[in-house]
Amino acid sequence: MPINSYQDLRVWQLAMDLAFDCYKVTRAFPRDELYGMTSQIRRAASSIAANIAEGHGRENTGSFIQFLRIAQGSLKELETYVVLATRLEFIDAKRSAELLGVTEEIGKMIRSMIRRLQEKTA
């Protein structure tokens, strides 16, 4: 399948699904966490797909790699918040494992893309 847009990238599609799931799961967080954990999780989750899209839109391999690295950083940030939210019992263990499984898959895809793009520029 040809890539005509960042929306064609499977990693972007998964990142969007993850962001959607994070918005859903944080709806059940305590109200007093609206500007804390809820906001942090939503911001980190949405940043992953946004950085993939922005990097792709730059139409420069070096810039794309840099934005993929930023997306990877946001992914690790999200993982940290999910683990903390689980410890605080805002997310149950099963749901947490599901979210972290998706972050692992996205992380592998991002690392693979970075490697392939670096090989292309070498």
PDB file of N, CA and C in Angstrom:
ATOM      1  N   MET A   1       0.847  -1.191   0.000  1.00  0.00           N
ATOM      2  CA  MET A   1       0.000   0.000   0.000  1.00  0.00           C
ATOM      3  C   MET A   1       0.887   1.247   0.000  1.00  0.00           C
ATOM      4  N   PRO A   2       0.692   2.139  -0.947  1.00  0.00           N
ATOM      5  CA  PRO A   2       1.525   3.338  -1.011  1.00  0.00           C
ATOM      6  C   PRO A   2       1.204   4.302   0.136  1.00  0.00           C
ATOM      7  N   ILE A   3       2.230   5.029   0.566  1.00  0.00           N
ATOM      8  CA  ILE A   3       2.065   6.017   1.629  1.00  0.00           C
ATOM      9  C   ILE A   3       1.925   7.388   0.974  1.00  0.00           C
ATOM     10  N   ASN A   4       0.722   7.900   0.955  1.00  0.00           N
ATOM     11  CA  ASN A   4       0.459   9.211   0.367  1.00  0.00           C
ATOM     12  C   ASN A   4       0.293  10.281   1.435  1.00  0.00           C
ATOM     13  N   SER A   5       0.069   9.843   2.660  1.00  0.00           N
ATOM     14  CA  SER A   5      -0.196  10.758   3.763  1.00  0.00           C
ATOM     15  C   SER A   5       0.261  10.083   5.056  1.00  0.00           C
ATOM     16  N   TYR A   6       0.522  10.884   6.067  1.00  0.00           N
ATOM     17  CA  TYR A   6       0.838  10.315   7.380  1.00  0.00           C
ATOM     18  C   TYR A   6      -0.300   9.432   7.874  1.00  0.00           C
ATOM     19  N   GLN A   7      -1.513   9.700   7.413  1.00  0.00           N
ATOM     20  CA  GLN A   7      -2.663   8.905   7.838  1.00  0.00           C
ATOM     21  C   GLN A   7      -2.604   7.479   7.296  1.00  0.00           C
ATOM     22  N   ASP A   8      -1.776   7.240   6.295  1.00  0.00           N
ATOM     23  CA  ASP A   8      -1.586   5.897   5.756  1.00  0.00           C
ATOM     24  C   ASP A   8      -0.613   5.075   6.596  1.00  0.00           C
ATOM     25  N   LEU A   9       0.134   5.744   7.475  1.00  0.00           N
ATOM     26  CA  LEU A   9       1.119   5.048   8.306  1.00  0.00           C
ATOM     27  C   LEU A   9       0.421   4.252   9.403  1.00  0.00           C
ATOM     28  N   ARG A  10       0.701   2.974   9.466  1.00  0.00           N
ATOM     29  CA  ARG A  10       0.083   2.111  10.498  1.00  0.00           C
ATOM     30  C   ARG A  10       0.442   2.592  11.900  1.00  0.00           C
ATOM     31  N   VAL A  11       1.662   3.067  12.090  1.00  0.00           N
ATOM     32  CA  VAL A  11       2.081   3.548  13.404  1.00  0.00           C
ATOM     33  C   VAL A  11       1.249   4.764  13.828  1.00  0.00           C
ATOM     34  N   TRP A  12       0.931   5.644  12.886  1.00  0.00           N
ATOM     35  CA  TRP A  12       0.093   6.807  13.201  1.00  0.00           C
ATOM     36  C   TRP A  12      -1.320   6.345  13.571  1.00  0.00           C
ATOM     37  N   GLN A  13      -1.851   5.379  12.825  1.00  0.00           N
ATOM     38  CA  GLN A  13      -3.188   4.860  13.097  1.00  0.00           C
ATOM     39  C   GLN A  13      -3.265   4.251  14.494  1.00  0.00           C
ATOM     40  N   LEU A  14      -2.246   3.464  14.861  1.00  0.00           N
ATOM     41  CA  LEU A  14      -2.218   2.866  16.206  1.00  0.00           C
ATOM     42  C   LEU A  14      -2.077   3.935  17.279  1.00  0.00           C
ATOM     43  N   ALA A  15      -1.268   4.945  16.997  1.00  0.00           N
ATOM     44  CA  ALA A  15      -1.086   6.032  17.964  1.00  0.00           C
ATOM     45  C   ALA A  15      -2.391   6.798  18.171  1.00  0.00           C
ATOM     46  N   MET A  16      -3.149   6.981  17.113  1.00  0.00           N
ATOM     47  CA  MET A  16      -4.459   7.637  17.239  1.00  0.00           C
ATOM     48  C   MET A  16      -5.414   6.786  18.069  1.00  0.00           C
ATOM     49  N   ASP A  17      -5.415   5.473  17.827  1.00  0.00           N
ATOM     50  CA  ASP A  17      -6.256   4.571  18.617  1.00  0.00           C
ATOM     51  C   ASP A  17      -5.857   4.618  20.094  1.00  0.00           C
ATOM     52  N   LEU A  18      -4.555   4.659  20.343  1.00  0.00           N
ATOM     53  CA  LEU A  18      -4.060   4.727  21.721  1.00  0.00           C
ATOM     54  C   LEU A  18      -4.506   6.025  22.388  1.00  0.00           C
ATOM     55  N   ALA A  19      -4.396   7.134  21.680  1.00  0.00           N
ATOM     56  CA  ALA A  19      -4.827   8.419  22.233  1.00  0.00           C
ATOM     57  C   ALA A  19      -6.318   8.385  22.560  1.00  0.00           C
ATOM     58  N   PHE A  20      -7.108   7.841  21.651  1.00  0.00           N
ATOM     59  CA  PHE A  20      -8.551   7.705  21.876  1.00  0.00           C
ATOM     60  C   PHE A  20      -8.821   6.880  23.140  1.00  0.00           C
ATOM     61  N   ASP A  21      -8.120   5.751  23.263  1.00  0.00           N
ATOM     62  CA  ASP A  21      -8.297   4.891  24.439  1.00  0.00           C
ATOM     63  C   ASP A  21      -7.884   5.604  25.726  1.00  0.00           C
ATOM     64  N   CYS A  22      -6.831   6.403  25.642  1.00  0.00           N
ATOM     65  CA  CYS A  22      -6.385   7.137  26.826  1.00  0.00           C
ATOM     66  C   CYS A  22      -7.406   8.192  27.244  1.00  0.00           C
ATOM     67  N   TYR A  23      -8.014   8.848  26.268  1.00  0.00           N
ATOM     68  CA  TYR A  23      -9.076   9.807  26.600  1.00  0.00           C
ATOM     69  C   TYR A  23     -10.239   9.084  27.286  1.00  0.00           C
ATOM     70  N   LYS A  24     -10.588   7.916  26.760  1.00  0.00           N
ATOM     71  CA  LYS A  24     -11.692   7.151  27.357  1.00  0.00           C
ATOM     72  C   LYS A  24     -11.375   6.710  28.784  1.00  0.00           C
ATOM     73  N   VAL A  25     -10.191   6.161  28.978  1.00  0.00           N
ATOM     74  CA  VAL A  25      -9.856   5.631  30.298  1.00  0.00           C
ATOM     75  C   VAL A  25      -9.740   6.743  31.342  1.00  0.00           C
ATOM     76  N   THR A  26      -9.297   7.933  30.929  1.00  0.00           N
ATOM     77  CA  THR A  26      -9.131   9.018  31.901  1.00  0.00           C
ATOM     78  C   THR A  26     -10.454   9.681  32.284  1.00  0.00           C
ATOM     79  N   ARG A  27     -11.522   9.377  31.563  1.00  0.00           N
ATOM     80  CA  ARG A  27     -12.835   9.910  31.948  1.00  0.00           C
ATOM     81  C   ARG A  27     -13.241   9.450  33.346  1.00  0.00           C
ATOM     82  N   ALA A  28     -12.747   8.279  33.739  1.00  0.00           N
ATOM     83  CA  ALA A  28     -13.124   7.716  35.040  1.00  0.00           C
ATOM     84  C   ALA A  28     -12.184   8.162  36.170  1.00  0.00           C
ATOM     85  N   PHE A  29     -11.179   8.964  35.847  1.00  0.00           N
ATOM     86  CA  PHE A  29     -10.242   9.423  36.880  1.00  0.00           C
ATOM     87  C   PHE A  29     -10.955  10.373  37.843  1.00  0.00           C
ATOM     88  N   PRO A  30     -10.424  10.499  39.047  1.00  0.00           N
ATOM     89  CA  PRO A  30     -11.017  11.448  40.001  1.00  0.00           C
ATOM     90  C   PRO A  30     -11.047  12.867  39.428  1.00  0.00           C
ATOM     91  N   ARG A  31     -12.085  13.588  39.748  1.00  0.00           N
ATOM     92  CA  ARG A  31     -12.272  14.958  39.237  1.00  0.00           C
ATOM     93  C   ARG A  31     -11.088  15.856  39.590  1.00  0.00           C
ATOM     94  N   ASP A  32     -10.511  15.651  40.770  1.00  0.00           N
ATOM     95  CA  ASP A  32      -9.407  16.514  41.189  1.00  0.00           C
ATOM     96  C   ASP A  32      -8.109  16.234  40.417  1.00  0.00           C
ATOM     97  N   GLU A  33      -8.121  15.238  39.551  1.00  0.00           N
ATOM     98  CA  GLU A  33      -6.966  14.932  38.702  1.00  0.00           C
ATOM     99  C   GLU A  33      -7.099  15.526  37.297  1.00  0.00           C
ATOM    100  N   LEU A  34      -8.161  16.303  37.070  1.00  0.00           N
ATOM    101  CA  LEU A  34      -8.410  16.849  35.740  1.00  0.00           C
ATOM    102  C   LEU A  34      -7.210  17.621  35.201  1.00  0.00           C
ATOM    103  N   TYR A  35      -6.587  18.429  36.045  1.00  0.00           N
ATOM    104  CA  TYR A  35      -5.441  19.231  35.603  1.00  0.00           C
ATOM    105  C   TYR A  35      -4.115  18.576  35.963  1.00  0.00           C
ATOM    106  N   GLY A  36      -4.174  17.377  36.499  1.00  0.00           N
ATOM    107  CA  GLY A  36      -2.978  16.626  36.846  1.00  0.00           C
ATOM    108  C   GLY A  36      -2.820  15.435  35.927  1.00  0.00           C
ATOM    109  N   MET A  37      -3.044  14.260  36.485  1.00  0.00           N
ATOM    110  CA  MET A  37      -2.815  13.010  35.768  1.00  0.00           C
ATOM    111  C   MET A  37      -3.647  12.904  34.485  1.00  0.00           C
ATOM    112  N   THR A  38      -4.897  13.310  34.526  1.00  0.00           N
ATOM    113  CA  THR A  38      -5.763  13.234  33.342  1.00  0.00           C
ATOM    114  C   THR A  38      -5.163  14.044  32.194  1.00  0.00           C
ATOM    115  N   SER A  39      -4.808  15.271  32.487  1.00  0.00           N
ATOM    116  CA  SER A  39      -4.240  16.155  31.484  1.00  0.00           C
ATOM    117  C   SER A  39      -2.903  15.630  30.963  1.00  0.00           C
ATOM    118  N   GLN A  40      -2.054  15.141  31.847  1.00  0.00           N
ATOM    119  CA  GLN A  40      -0.735  14.645  31.452  1.00  0.00           C
ATOM    120  C   GLN A  40      -0.848  13.433  30.522  1.00  0.00           C
ATOM    121  N   ILE A  41      -1.712  12.510  30.868  1.00  0.00           N
ATOM    122  CA  ILE A  41      -1.895  11.314  30.037  1.00  0.00           C
ATOM    123  C   ILE A  41      -2.440  11.697  28.664  1.00  0.00           C
ATOM    124  N   ARG A  42      -3.441  12.547  28.642  1.00  0.00           N
ATOM    125  CA  ARG A  42      -4.035  12.952  27.363  1.00  0.00           C
ATOM    126  C   ARG A  42      -3.033  13.709  26.495  1.00  0.00           C
ATOM    127  N   ARG A  43      -2.263  14.577  27.107  1.00  0.00           N
ATOM    128  CA  ARG A  43      -1.280  15.365  26.364  1.00  0.00           C
ATOM    129  C   ARG A  43      -0.195  14.467  25.774  1.00  0.00           C
ATOM    130  N   ALA A  44       0.340  13.562  26.601  1.00  0.00           N
ATOM    131  CA  ALA A  44       1.398  12.659  26.123  1.00  0.00           C
ATOM    132  C   ALA A  44       0.872  11.742  25.020  1.00  0.00           C
ATOM    133  N   ALA A  45      -0.328  11.207  25.204  1.00  0.00           N
ATOM    134  CA  ALA A  45      -0.898  10.277  24.218  1.00  0.00           C
ATOM    135  C   ALA A  45      -1.145  10.963  22.880  1.00  0.00           C
ATOM    136  N   SER A  46      -1.709  12.155  22.910  1.00  0.00           N
ATOM    137  CA  SER A  46      -2.001  12.846  21.653  1.00  0.00           C
ATOM    138  C   SER A  46      -0.722  13.332  20.975  1.00  0.00           C
ATOM    139  N   SER A  47       0.312  13.571  21.749  1.00  0.00           N
ATOM    140  CA  SER A  47       1.583  14.036  21.211  1.00  0.00           C
ATOM    141  C   SER A  47       2.265  12.989  20.327  1.00  0.00           C
ATOM    142  N   ILE A  48       2.051  11.732  20.601  1.00  0.00           N
ATOM    143  CA  ILE A  48       2.690  10.661  19.830  1.00  0.00           C
ATOM    144  C   ILE A  48       2.260  10.754  18.359  1.00  0.00           C
ATOM    145  N   ALA A  49       0.958  10.693  18.122  1.00  0.00           N
ATOM    146  CA  ALA A  49       0.447  10.754  16.749  1.00  0.00           C
ATOM    147  C   ALA A  49       0.740  12.113  16.114  1.00  0.00           C
ATOM    148  N   ALA A  50       0.634  13.183  16.894  1.00  0.00           N
ATOM    149  CA  ALA A  50       0.871  14.524  16.356  1.00  0.00           C
ATOM    150  C   ALA A  50       2.309  14.684  15.867  1.00  0.00           C
ATOM    151  N   ASN A  51       3.267  14.147  16.595  1.00  0.00           N
ATOM    152  CA  ASN A  51       4.661  14.267  16.182  1.00  0.00           C
ATOM    153  C   ASN A  51       4.983  13.392  14.968  1.00  0.00           C
ATOM    154  N   ILE A  52       4.354  12.239  14.891  1.00  0.00           N
ATOM    155  CA  ILE A  52       4.524  11.406  13.693  1.00  0.00           C
ATOM    156  C   ILE A  52       4.006  12.168  12.472  1.00  0.00           C
ATOM    157  N   ALA A  53       2.831  12.761  12.609  1.00  0.00           N
ATOM    158  CA  ALA A  53       2.234  13.518  11.499  1.00  0.00           C
ATOM    159  C   ALA A  53       3.092  14.722  11.138  1.00  0.00           C
ATOM    160  N   GLU A  54       3.546  15.466  12.143  1.00  0.00           N
ATOM    161  CA  GLU A  54       4.339  16.661  11.867  1.00  0.00           C
ATOM    162  C   GLU A  54       5.656  16.303  11.190  1.00  0.00           C
ATOM    163  N   GLY A  55       6.303  15.267  11.674  1.00  0.00           N
ATOM    164  CA  GLY A  55       7.562  14.847  11.066  1.00  0.00           C
ATOM    165  C   GLY A  55       7.387  14.416   9.630  1.00  0.00           C
ATOM    166  N   HIS A  56       6.334  13.663   9.360  1.00  0.00           N
ATOM    167  CA  HIS A  56       6.051  13.230   7.993  1.00  0.00           C
ATOM    168  C   HIS A  56       5.780  14.430   7.096  1.00  0.00           C
ATOM    169  N   GLY A  57       5.083  15.407   7.639  1.00  0.00           N
ATOM    170  CA  GLY A  57       4.725  16.598   6.873  1.00  0.00           C
ATOM    171  C   GLY A  57       5.894  17.498   6.538  1.00  0.00           C
ATOM    172  N   ARG A  58       6.995  17.356   7.237  1.00  0.00           N
ATOM    173  CA  ARG A  58       8.175  18.179   6.956  1.00  0.00           C
ATOM    174  C   ARG A  58       8.841  17.796   5.641  1.00  0.00           C
ATOM    175  N   GLU A  59       8.552  16.598   5.147  1.00  0.00           N
ATOM    176  CA  GLU A  59       9.093  16.107   3.879  1.00  0.00           C
ATOM    177  C   GLU A  59      10.613  16.184   3.823  1.00  0.00           C
ATOM    178  N   ASN A  60      11.235  15.944   4.970  1.00  0.00           N
ATOM    179  CA  ASN A  60      12.692  15.918   5.082  1.00  0.00           C
ATOM    180  C   ASN A  60      13.030  14.764   6.009  1.00  0.00           C
ATOM    181  N   THR A  61      13.853  13.842   5.533  1.00  0.00           N
ATOM    182  CA  THR A  61      14.128  12.625   6.303  1.00  0.00           C
ATOM    183  C   THR A  61      14.717  12.930   7.671  1.00  0.00           C
ATOM    184  N   GLY A  62      15.657  13.862   7.739  1.00  0.00           N
ATOM    185  CA  GLY A  62      16.262  14.216   9.021  1.00  0.00           C
ATOM    186  C   GLY A  62      15.239  14.764  10.007  1.00  0.00           C
ATOM    187  N   SER A  63      14.362  15.614   9.520  1.00  0.00           N
ATOM    188  CA  SER A  63      13.303  16.160  10.379  1.00  0.00           C
ATOM    189  C   SER A  63      12.338  15.069  10.817  1.00  0.00           C
ATOM    190  N   PHE A  64      12.008  14.173   9.897  1.00  0.00           N
ATOM    191  CA  PHE A  64      11.096  13.081  10.230  1.00  0.00           C
ATOM    192  C   PHE A  64      11.690  12.223  11.350  1.00  0.00           C
ATOM    193  N   ILE A  65      12.976  11.906  11.242  1.00  0.00           N
ATOM    194  CA  ILE A  65      13.640  11.119  12.285  1.00  0.00           C
ATOM    195  C   ILE A  65      13.567  11.853  13.623  1.00  0.00           C
ATOM    196  N   GLN A  66      13.833  13.160  13.604  1.00  0.00           N
ATOM    197  CA  GLN A  66      13.792  13.938  14.852  1.00  0.00           C
ATOM    198  C   GLN A  66      12.393  13.910  15.465  1.00  0.00           C
ATOM    199  N   PHE A  67      11.365  14.070  14.658  1.00  0.00           N
ATOM    200  CA  PHE A  67      10.000  14.053  15.191  1.00  0.00           C
ATOM    201  C   PHE A  67       9.596  12.653  15.661  1.00  0.00           C
ATOM    202  N   LEU A  68      10.113  11.621  15.015  1.00  0.00           N
ATOM    203  CA  LEU A  68       9.869  10.257  15.497  1.00  0.00           C
ATOM    204  C   LEU A  68      10.509  10.059  16.866  1.00  0.00           C
ATOM    205  N   ARG A  69      11.672  10.647  17.073  1.00  0.00           N
ATOM    206  CA  ARG A  69      12.326  10.561  18.389  1.00  0.00           C
ATOM    207  C   ARG A  69      11.517  11.297  19.449  1.00  0.00           C
ATOM    208  N   ILE A  70      10.943  12.418  19.078  1.00  0.00           N
ATOM    209  CA  ILE A  70      10.081  13.156  20.008  1.00  0.00           C
ATOM    210  C   ILE A  70       8.842  12.318  20.330  1.00  0.00           C
ATOM    211  N   ALA A  71       8.260  11.679  19.311  1.00  0.00           N
ATOM    212  CA  ALA A  71       7.110  10.796  19.525  1.00  0.00           C
ATOM    213  C   ALA A  71       7.484   9.660  20.468  1.00  0.00           C
ATOM    214  N   GLN A  72       8.690   9.133  20.291  1.00  0.00           N
ATOM    215  CA  GLN A  72       9.175   8.051  21.156  1.00  0.00           C
ATOM    216  C   GLN A  72       9.297   8.542  22.604  1.00  0.00           C
ATOM    217  N   GLY A  73       9.759   9.766  22.781  1.00  0.00           N
ATOM    218  CA  GLY A  73       9.835  10.343  24.121  1.00  0.00           C
ATOM    219  C   GLY A  73       8.465  10.495  24.750  1.00  0.00           C
ATOM    220  N   SER A  74       7.503  10.963  23.971  1.00  0.00           N
ATOM    221  CA  SER A  74       6.126  11.083  24.469  1.00  0.00           C
ATOM    222  C   SER A  74       5.549   9.723  24.823  1.00  0.00           C
ATOM    223  N   LEU A  75       5.920   8.713  24.061  1.00  0.00           N
ATOM    224  CA  LEU A  75       5.462   7.351  24.330  1.00  0.00           C
ATOM    225  C   LEU A  75       5.978   6.881  25.690  1.00  0.00           C
ATOM    226  N   LYS A  76       7.252   7.129  25.970  1.00  0.00           N
ATOM    227  CA  LYS A  76       7.834   6.723  27.260  1.00  0.00           C
ATOM    228  C   LYS A  76       7.215   7.521  28.399  1.00  0.00           C
ATOM    229  N   GLU A  77       6.923   8.782  28.138  1.00  0.00           N
ATOM    230  CA  GLU A  77       6.244   9.615  29.131  1.00  0.00           C
ATOM    231  C   GLU A  77       4.868   9.021  29.442  1.00  0.00           C
ATOM    232  N   LEU A  78       4.133   8.660  28.397  1.00  0.00           N
ATOM    233  CA  LEU A  78       2.815   8.059  28.582  1.00  0.00           C
ATOM    234  C   LEU A  78       2.910   6.767  29.380  1.00  0.00           C
ATOM    235  N   GLU A  79       3.870   5.916  29.041  1.00  0.00           N
ATOM    236  CA  GLU A  79       4.040   4.662  29.780  1.00  0.00           C
ATOM    237  C   GLU A  79       4.237   4.932  31.264  1.00  0.00           C
ATOM    238  N   THR A  80       5.035   5.930  31.586  1.00  0.00           N
ATOM    239  CA  THR A  80       5.297   6.279  32.981  1.00  0.00           C
ATOM    240  C   THR A  80       4.019   6.715  33.686  1.00  0.00           C
ATOM    241  N   TYR A  81       3.219   7.545  33.028  1.00  0.00           N
ATOM    242  CA  TYR A  81       1.956   7.994  33.626  1.00  0.00           C
ATOM    243  C   TYR A  81       0.971   6.843  33.799  1.00  0.00           C
ATOM    244  N   VAL A  82       0.949   5.923  32.854  1.00  0.00           N
ATOM    245  CA  VAL A  82       0.047   4.768  32.964  1.00  0.00           C
ATOM    246  C   VAL A  82       0.462   3.905  34.160  1.00  0.00           C
ATOM    247  N   VAL A  83       1.753   3.680  34.325  1.00  0.00           N
ATOM    248  CA  VAL A  83       2.230   2.897  35.470  1.00  0.00           C
ATOM    249  C   VAL A  83       1.867   3.606  36.772  1.00  0.00           C
ATOM    250  N   LEU A  84       2.082   4.910  36.832  1.00  0.00           N
ATOM    251  CA  LEU A  84       1.740   5.663  38.047  1.00  0.00           C
ATOM    252  C   LEU A  84       0.232   5.637  38.305  1.00  0.00           C
ATOM    253  N   ALA A  85      -0.564   5.843  37.259  1.00  0.00           N
ATOM    254  CA  ALA A  85      -2.023   5.816  37.423  1.00  0.00           C
ATOM    255  C   ALA A  85      -2.493   4.446  37.894  1.00  0.00           C
ATOM    256  N   THR A  86      -1.810   3.408  37.473  1.00  0.00           N
ATOM    257  CA  THR A  86      -2.147   2.054  37.918  1.00  0.00           C
ATOM    258  C   THR A  86      -1.806   1.895  39.397  1.00  0.00           C
ATOM    259  N   ARG A  87      -0.650   2.382  39.788  1.00  0.00           N
ATOM    260  CA  ARG A  87      -0.273   2.328  41.204  1.00  0.00           C
ATOM    261  C   ARG A  87      -1.249   3.110  42.081  1.00  0.00           C
ATOM    262  N   LEU A  88      -1.746   4.214  41.544  1.00  0.00           N
ATOM    263  CA  LEU A  88      -2.717   5.031  42.280  1.00  0.00           C
ATOM    264  C   LEU A  88      -4.132   4.455  42.211  1.00  0.00           C
ATOM    265  N   GLU A  89      -4.260   3.348  41.476  1.00  0.00           N
ATOM    266  CA  GLU A  89      -5.520   2.634  41.294  1.00  0.00           C
ATOM    267  C   GLU A  89      -6.557   3.446  40.522  1.00  0.00           C
ATOM    268  N   PHE A  90      -6.079   4.298  39.609  1.00  0.00           N
ATOM    269  CA  PHE A  90      -6.968   5.015  38.700  1.00  0.00           C
ATOM    270  C   PHE A  90      -7.278   4.141  37.486  1.00  0.00           C
ATOM    271  N   ILE A  91      -6.353   3.224  37.159  1.00  0.00           N
ATOM    272  CA  ILE A  91      -6.515   2.290  36.050  1.00  0.00           C
ATOM    273  C   ILE A  91      -6.345   0.882  36.617  1.00  0.00           C
ATOM    274  N   ASP A  92      -7.229  -0.040  36.254  1.00  0.00           N
ATOM    275  CA  ASP A  92      -7.066  -1.405  36.753  1.00  0.00           C
ATOM    276  C   ASP A  92      -5.930  -2.103  36.005  1.00  0.00           C
ATOM    277  N   ALA A  93      -5.404  -3.144  36.612  1.00  0.00           N
ATOM    278  CA  ALA A  93      -4.217  -3.824  36.093  1.00  0.00           C
ATOM    279  C   ALA A  93      -4.422  -4.369  34.677  1.00  0.00           C
ATOM    280  N   LYS A  94      -5.604  -4.902  34.404  1.00  0.00           N
ATOM    281  CA  LYS A  94      -5.879  -5.463  33.077  1.00  0.00           C
ATOM    282  C   LYS A  94      -5.839  -4.376  32.005  1.00  0.00           C
ATOM    283  N   ARG A  95      -6.499  -3.274  32.268  1.00  0.00           N
ATOM    284  CA  ARG A  95      -6.543  -2.161  31.300  1.00  0.00           C
ATOM    285  C   ARG A  95      -5.150  -1.567  31.122  1.00  0.00           C
ATOM    286  N   SER A  96      -4.425  -1.455  32.206  1.00  0.00           N
ATOM    287  CA  SER A  96      -3.056  -0.952  32.159  1.00  0.00           C
ATOM    288  C   SER A  96      -2.189  -1.833  31.263  1.00  0.00           C
ATOM    289  N   ALA A  97      -2.299  -3.139  31.434  1.00  0.00           N
ATOM    290  CA  ALA A  97      -1.515  -4.075  30.619  1.00  0.00           C
ATOM    291  C   ALA A  97      -1.863  -3.927  29.138  1.00  0.00           C
ATOM    292  N   GLU A  98      -3.143  -3.712  28.846  1.00  0.00           N
ATOM    293  CA  GLU A  98      -3.562  -3.519  27.456  1.00  0.00           C
ATOM    294  C   GLU A  98      -2.923  -2.264  26.867  1.00  0.00           C
ATOM    295  N   LEU A  99      -2.996  -1.161  27.613  1.00  0.00           N
ATOM    296  CA  LEU A  99      -2.413   0.095  27.135  1.00  0.00           C
ATOM    297  C   LEU A  99      -0.901  -0.039  26.952  1.00  0.00           C
ATOM    298  N   LEU A 100      -0.242  -0.651  27.919  1.00  0.00           N
ATOM    299  CA  LEU A 100       1.210  -0.811  27.832  1.00  0.00           C
ATOM    300  C   LEU A 100       1.610  -1.765  26.710  1.00  0.00           C
ATOM    301  N   GLY A 101       0.762  -2.724  26.403  1.00  0.00           N
ATOM    302  CA  GLY A 101       1.023  -3.603  25.261  1.00  0.00           C
ATOM    303  C   GLY A 101       1.006  -2.827  23.954  1.00  0.00           C
ATOM    304  N   VAL A 102       0.076  -1.904  23.834  1.00  0.00           N
ATOM    305  CA  VAL A 102      -0.003  -1.082  22.631  1.00  0.00           C
ATOM    306  C   VAL A 102       1.192  -0.129  22.564  1.00  0.00           C
ATOM    307  N   THR A 103       1.569   0.447  23.704  1.00  0.00           N
ATOM    308  CA  THR A 103       2.735   1.343  23.684  1.00  0.00           C
ATOM    309  C   THR A 103       3.989   0.585  23.271  1.00  0.00           C
ATOM    310  N   GLU A 104       4.111  -0.652  23.694  1.00  0.00           N
ATOM    311  CA  GLU A 104       5.270  -1.462  23.304  1.00  0.00           C
ATOM    312  C   GLU A 104       5.285  -1.684  21.787  1.00  0.00           C
ATOM    313  N   GLU A 105       4.129  -2.006  21.237  1.00  0.00           N
ATOM    314  CA  GLU A 105       4.025  -2.234  19.792  1.00  0.00           C
ATOM    315  C   GLU A 105       4.362  -0.959  19.014  1.00  0.00           C
ATOM    316  N   ILE A 106       3.823   0.159  19.445  1.00  0.00           N
ATOM    317  CA  ILE A 106       4.105   1.434  18.780  1.00  0.00           C
ATOM    318  C   ILE A 106       5.589   1.769  18.899  1.00  0.00           C
ATOM    319  N   GLY A 107       6.157   1.533  20.067  1.00  0.00           N
ATOM    320  CA  GLY A 107       7.581   1.802  20.271  1.00  0.00           C
ATOM    321  C   GLY A 107       8.459   1.015  19.314  1.00  0.00           C
ATOM    322  N   LYS A 108       8.135  -0.248  19.117  1.00  0.00           N
ATOM    323  CA  LYS A 108       8.890  -1.082  18.164  1.00  0.00           C
ATOM    324  C   LYS A 108       8.764  -0.528  16.750  1.00  0.00           C
ATOM    325  N   MET A 109       7.563  -0.088  16.393  1.00  0.00           N
ATOM    326  CA  MET A 109       7.343   0.447  15.050  1.00  0.00           C
ATOM    327  C   MET A 109       8.127   1.744  14.844  1.00  0.00           C
ATOM    328  N   ILE A 110       8.127   2.600  15.847  1.00  0.00           N
ATOM    329  CA  ILE A 110       8.860   3.864  15.744  1.00  0.00           C
ATOM    330  C   ILE A 110      10.364   3.589  15.617  1.00  0.00           C
ATOM    331  N   ARG A 111      10.879   2.702  16.457  1.00  0.00           N
ATOM    332  CA  ARG A 111      12.317   2.383  16.385  1.00  0.00           C
ATOM    333  C   ARG A 111      12.678   1.800  15.022  1.00  0.00           C
ATOM    334  N   SER A 112      11.823   0.950  14.492  1.00  0.00           N
ATOM    335  CA  SER A 112      12.065   0.365  13.178  1.00  0.00           C
ATOM    336  C   SER A 112      12.066   1.445  12.092  1.00  0.00           C
ATOM    337  N   MET A 113      11.128   2.360  12.165  1.00  0.00           N
ATOM    338  CA  MET A 113      11.064   3.445  11.180  1.00  0.00           C
ATOM    339  C   MET A 113      12.327   4.302  11.250  1.00  0.00           C
ATOM    340  N   ILE A 114      12.761   4.623  12.454  1.00  0.00           N
ATOM    341  CA  ILE A 114      13.975   5.422  12.625  1.00  0.00           C
ATOM    342  C   ILE A 114      15.160   4.714  11.983  1.00  0.00           C
ATOM    343  N   ARG A 115      15.313   3.430  12.265  1.00  0.00           N
ATOM    344  CA  ARG A 115      16.433   2.671  11.684  1.00  0.00           C
ATOM    345  C   ARG A 115      16.378   2.681  10.157  1.00  0.00           C
ATOM    346  N   ARG A 116      15.200   2.426   9.597  1.00  0.00           N
ATOM    347  CA  ARG A 116      15.069   2.399   8.138  1.00  0.00           C
ATOM    348  C   ARG A 116      15.358   3.764   7.516  1.00  0.00           C
ATOM    349  N   LEU A 117      14.882   4.814   8.153  1.00  0.00           N
ATOM    350  CA  LEU A 117      15.134   6.156   7.628  1.00  0.00           C
ATOM    351  C   LEU A 117      16.607   6.526   7.749  1.00  0.00           C
ATOM    352  N   GLN A 118      17.251   6.100   8.836  1.00  0.00           N
ATOM    353  CA  GLN A 118      18.681   6.376   8.986  1.00  0.00           C
ATOM    354  C   GLN A 118      19.485   5.634   7.923  1.00  0.00           C
ATOM    355  N   GLU A 119      19.104   4.412   7.621  1.00  0.00           N
ATOM    356  CA  GLU A 119      19.786   3.640   6.574  1.00  0.00           C
ATOM    357  C   GLU A 119      19.637   4.321   5.220  1.00  0.00           C
ATOM    358  N   LYS A 120      18.465   4.908   5.013  1.00  0.00           N
ATOM    359  CA  LYS A 120      18.173   5.591   3.760  1.00  0.00           C
ATOM    360  C   LYS A 120      19.068   6.823   3.579  1.00  0.00           C
ATOM    361  N   THR A 121      19.413   7.482   4.679  1.00  0.00           N
ATOM    362  CA  THR A 121      20.222   8.689   4.592  1.00  0.00           C
ATOM    363  C   THR A 121      21.710   8.408   4.678  1.00  0.00           C
ATOM    364  N   ALA A 122      22.079   7.164   5.024  1.00  0.00           N
ATOM    365  CA  ALA A 122      23.499   6.831   5.182  1.00  0.00           C
ATOM    366  C   ALA A 122      24.214   6.670   3.858  1.00  0.00           C
TER     367      ALA A 122
END
